Structure formats: C-alpha cells, structure tokens
Amino acid sequence: MKRLILPFLLTLCFYIESIFVDFLPPGSFGVDWILVPHFLIVLFILMGIFYFRNRTLIYAAIFGLLFDIYYTEVIGIYLVLFPVAVYVASKIVKLIFSNIFTAFIITIICISLVETIVYGMNIFVLQKSMDLNEFAMNRLVPTLILNAVFFLIVYYPFNKLLLNRKKEELNE
C-alpha cells in the first residue's frame, strides 16, 4: 500500500491542475493574467531533489506523456520537458546544499525554463501570437507566483513523505 502513495499523489496533482484551470480562468482577478498550474512539475522537482532520480525520471516521462495526450496540442513537449526539469534539478542540487531555499530557487528556475520553452513552441509550431513582454507579464510572472505558493504549501509534508519513503525503500 505504501508503494502506491506517490503514484496516487502524482495522479491527484495531475487532475487538480485541470480543475484549478476550470475554477480560475483568465481574467478572474480583473486582469488578463494566465495562471498555469505546474503542480506536477513542482512535485517532480522535489522528487528529483529528495528521492531517487531515476525512478522520478520514469514517473516524469509517464506523466509527461499523459499530460501531452490530455492537455496539449504538441505531443511530446511535456514528455521531454518533465524529465529534463527533474534531471536539471537533481544535477543542480548535487552542486549546492539542498534546503527549502535552494529547492525553491531550483523550482522557480525549472518552471521558468519549461514555460519559456512551451511559449517558444507555441510561437514557432502553432503560430500563436503573443509578444515576449506580454508573455512575461501576463503568463510567466503569475504562473511563477502561483507555483511558488503551491511549493510553499507542499514542501514540508511532501519532503517528509519522500525522505521517509526513501528510507523505507533503502531498508527493504
């Protein structure tokens, strides 16, 4: 039963992202902010930092493919970006000491990279029109704020779960 807790939480986050978008459409706050919840990426980055990297990469690839199938017009972008974000986060944390501050900064950097690459793909592949300034002010900054708040809410309980789960798996 304990082995199912991480896939369950990841699946729950997968669905919560779509529910969140339904409850807070663009323009909810009286401005044209586009809030993009990347709750799943936040959990993957924390897993990449505090859990087994290779197992996290597998989870990230599977959920990236599911994300592409259900939510995007460009199949394969999240299949690649989720594992890349996990890999980058796990490599950065090997260079510096991991704590809440460094995990927070790494998460913000990875989400910024993912959002910027998705923006680039939307511009080049789908021919969507949004200039860089509009993207930064109406999509990137609100997205980073939203995901930063989510990070601060889930960091301690999810970190504790990951460390306990890792300890149990090493002792098996």
Protein backbone atom coordinates (compact mmCIF):
# COMPACT_ATOMS: atom_id res chain seq x y z
CA MET A 1 0.00 0.00 0.00
CA LYS A 2 2.85 2.40 0.76
CA ARG A 3 4.18 1.93 -2.77
CA LEU A 4 1.01 3.42 -4.19
CA ILE A 5 1.14 6.69 -2.28
CA LEU A 6 3.47 8.53 -4.70
CA PRO A 7 1.64 7.48 -7.89
CA PHE A 8 -1.63 8.39 -6.18
CA LEU A 9 -0.39 11.86 -5.19
CA LEU A 10 1.02 12.47 -8.66
CA THR A 11 -2.25 11.38 -10.28
CA LEU A 12 -4.18 13.60 -7.89
CA CYS A 13 -1.98 16.57 -8.81
CA PHE A 14 -2.46 15.74 -12.50
CA TYR A 15 -6.21 16.12 -12.10
CA ILE A 16 -6.07 19.06 -9.69
CA GLU A 17 -4.24 21.09 -12.36
CA SER A 18 -7.18 20.79 -14.75
CA ILE A 19 -9.71 21.51 -12.01
CA PHE A 20 -7.72 24.57 -10.96
CA VAL A 21 -7.78 25.92 -14.51
CA ASP A 22 -11.56 25.46 -14.65
CA PHE A 23 -12.10 27.41 -11.42
CA LEU A 24 -9.70 30.26 -12.22
CA PRO A 25 -9.98 31.10 -15.93
CA PRO A 26 -8.00 34.03 -17.38
CA GLY A 27 -9.39 37.35 -16.17
CA SER A 28 -10.52 36.04 -12.77
CA PHE A 29 -8.65 38.76 -10.92
CA GLY A 30 -9.76 41.60 -13.19
CA VAL A 31 -6.54 41.46 -15.21
CA ASP A 32 -5.53 39.32 -18.15
CA TRP A 33 -3.28 37.01 -16.15
CA ILE A 34 -2.91 33.48 -17.38
CA LEU A 35 -2.31 31.26 -14.37
CA VAL A 36 -0.74 27.96 -15.41
CA PRO A 37 -0.57 25.48 -12.54
CA HIS A 38 2.54 23.33 -12.73
CA PHE A 39 1.85 21.46 -9.53
CA LEU A 40 3.02 18.20 -11.05
CA ILE A 41 6.37 19.70 -12.05
CA VAL A 42 6.80 21.08 -8.54
CA LEU A 43 6.32 17.59 -7.11
CA PHE A 44 8.66 16.09 -9.70
CA ILE A 45 11.37 18.61 -8.90
CA LEU A 46 11.05 17.86 -5.19
CA MET A 47 11.22 14.16 -6.02
CA GLY A 48 14.30 14.78 -8.15
CA ILE A 49 15.96 16.55 -5.25
CA PHE A 50 14.94 14.34 -2.31
CA TYR A 51 14.05 10.97 -3.83
CA PHE A 52 15.57 8.54 -6.31
CA ARG A 53 16.37 10.42 -9.51
CA ASN A 54 15.99 7.52 -11.95
CA ARG A 55 12.60 6.49 -10.58
CA THR A 56 11.50 10.12 -10.68
CA LEU A 57 12.58 10.38 -14.32
CA ILE A 58 10.35 7.41 -15.16
CA TYR A 59 7.39 8.97 -13.36
CA ALA A 60 8.09 12.28 -15.11
CA ALA A 61 8.18 10.67 -18.56
CA ILE A 62 4.95 8.73 -17.97
CA PHE A 63 3.07 11.73 -16.64
CA GLY A 64 4.61 13.95 -19.32
CA LEU A 65 3.15 11.68 -21.99
CA LEU A 66 -0.23 11.66 -20.24
CA PHE A 67 -0.08 15.44 -19.95
CA ASP A 68 0.63 15.75 -23.67
CA ILE A 69 -2.20 13.41 -24.60
CA TYR A 70 -4.80 15.14 -22.45
CA TYR A 71 -3.86 18.81 -22.43
CA THR A 72 -1.59 19.91 -25.26
CA GLU A 73 -1.62 20.36 -29.00
CA VAL A 74 2.07 19.49 -29.39
CA ILE A 75 2.59 15.84 -28.47
CA GLY A 76 5.96 15.21 -26.88
CA ILE A 77 6.80 18.57 -25.39
CA TYR A 78 5.98 17.68 -21.79
CA LEU A 79 7.21 14.13 -22.33
CA VAL A 80 10.62 15.73 -22.80
CA LEU A 81 10.34 18.76 -20.51
CA PHE A 82 9.21 16.97 -17.33
CA PRO A 83 12.23 14.61 -17.25
CA VAL A 84 14.57 17.43 -18.30
CA ALA A 85 13.33 19.58 -15.39
CA VAL A 86 13.86 16.68 -12.98
CA TYR A 87 17.33 15.98 -14.37
CA VAL A 88 18.39 19.63 -14.19
CA ALA A 89 17.07 19.94 -10.63
CA SER A 90 18.85 16.78 -9.49
CA LYS A 91 22.13 17.89 -11.05
CA ILE A 92 21.98 21.40 -9.60
CA VAL A 93 21.29 20.06 -6.12
CA LYS A 94 24.46 17.95 -6.31
CA LEU A 95 26.44 21.19 -6.62
CA ILE A 96 24.79 23.02 -3.74
CA PHE A 97 23.33 22.08 -0.38
CA SER A 98 19.64 21.28 -0.58
CA ASN A 99 17.25 23.06 1.75
CA ILE A 100 13.95 24.86 1.29
CA PHE A 101 15.57 27.98 -0.14
CA THR A 102 17.66 26.19 -2.77
CA ALA A 103 14.77 23.85 -3.64
CA PHE A 104 12.55 26.91 -4.07
CA ILE A 105 15.03 28.66 -6.37
CA ILE A 106 15.59 25.47 -8.40
CA THR A 107 11.83 25.00 -8.74
CA ILE A 108 11.33 28.58 -9.95
CA ILE A 109 14.19 28.23 -12.45
CA CYS A 110 12.87 24.93 -13.82
CA ILE A 111 9.29 26.20 -14.13
CA SER A 112 10.59 29.32 -15.88
CA LEU A 113 12.51 27.17 -18.35
CA VAL A 114 9.53 24.91 -19.00
CA GLU A 115 7.17 27.85 -19.51
CA THR A 116 9.61 29.66 -21.80
CA ILE A 117 10.19 26.57 -23.95
CA VAL A 118 6.44 25.93 -24.19
CA TYR A 119 5.99 29.58 -25.18
CA GLY A 120 8.64 29.16 -27.88
CA MET A 121 6.99 26.00 -29.18
CA ASN A 122 3.62 27.74 -29.30
CA ILE A 123 5.12 30.60 -31.28
CA PHE A 124 7.12 28.51 -33.75
CA VAL A 125 4.98 25.41 -34.19
CA LEU A 126 1.42 26.55 -33.58
CA GLN A 127 1.93 30.12 -34.86
CA LYS A 128 0.28 31.62 -31.77
CA SER A 129 0.83 35.34 -31.38
CA MET A 130 1.96 36.70 -28.03
CA ASP A 131 4.92 39.01 -27.73
CA LEU A 132 7.63 38.34 -25.18
CA ASN A 133 6.68 41.21 -22.86
CA GLU A 134 3.05 40.10 -22.81
CA PHE A 135 4.15 36.53 -22.11
CA ALA A 136 6.41 37.63 -19.26
CA MET A 137 3.90 39.92 -17.56
CA ASN A 138 0.63 38.08 -18.20
CA ARG A 139 1.69 34.46 -18.10
CA LEU A 140 5.18 33.84 -16.69
CA VAL A 141 5.12 36.03 -13.58
CA PRO A 142 1.61 34.99 -12.44
CA THR A 143 2.48 31.34 -13.13
CA LEU A 144 5.65 31.60 -11.05
CA ILE A 145 3.75 33.25 -8.17
CA LEU A 146 1.04 30.57 -8.24
CA ASN A 147 3.52 27.72 -8.29
CA ALA A 148 5.69 29.37 -5.63
CA VAL A 149 2.68 29.46 -3.30
CA PHE A 150 1.95 25.81 -4.09
CA PHE A 151 5.60 24.95 -3.40
CA LEU A 152 5.49 26.65 -0.01
CA ILE A 153 2.31 24.77 0.90
CA VAL A 154 3.51 21.28 -0.08
CA TYR A 155 7.24 21.47 0.66
CA TYR A 156 7.33 20.24 4.24
CA PRO A 157 4.74 17.44 4.08
CA PHE A 158 5.91 16.17 0.68
CA ASN A 159 9.58 16.40 1.65
CA LYS A 160 8.91 14.40 4.81
CA LEU A 161 6.97 11.81 2.82
CA LEU A 162 9.78 11.48 0.27
CA LEU A 163 12.51 11.14 2.88
CA ASN A 164 10.51 8.55 4.83
CA ARG A 165 9.68 6.64 1.66
CA LYS A 166 13.32 6.71 0.56
CA LYS A 167 14.47 5.44 3.96
CA GLU A 168 11.93 2.61 3.88
CA GLU A 169 12.94 1.56 0.38
CA LEU A 170 16.64 1.56 1.28
CA ASN A 171 15.90 -0.66 4.28
CA GLU A 172 13.86 -3.19 2.25
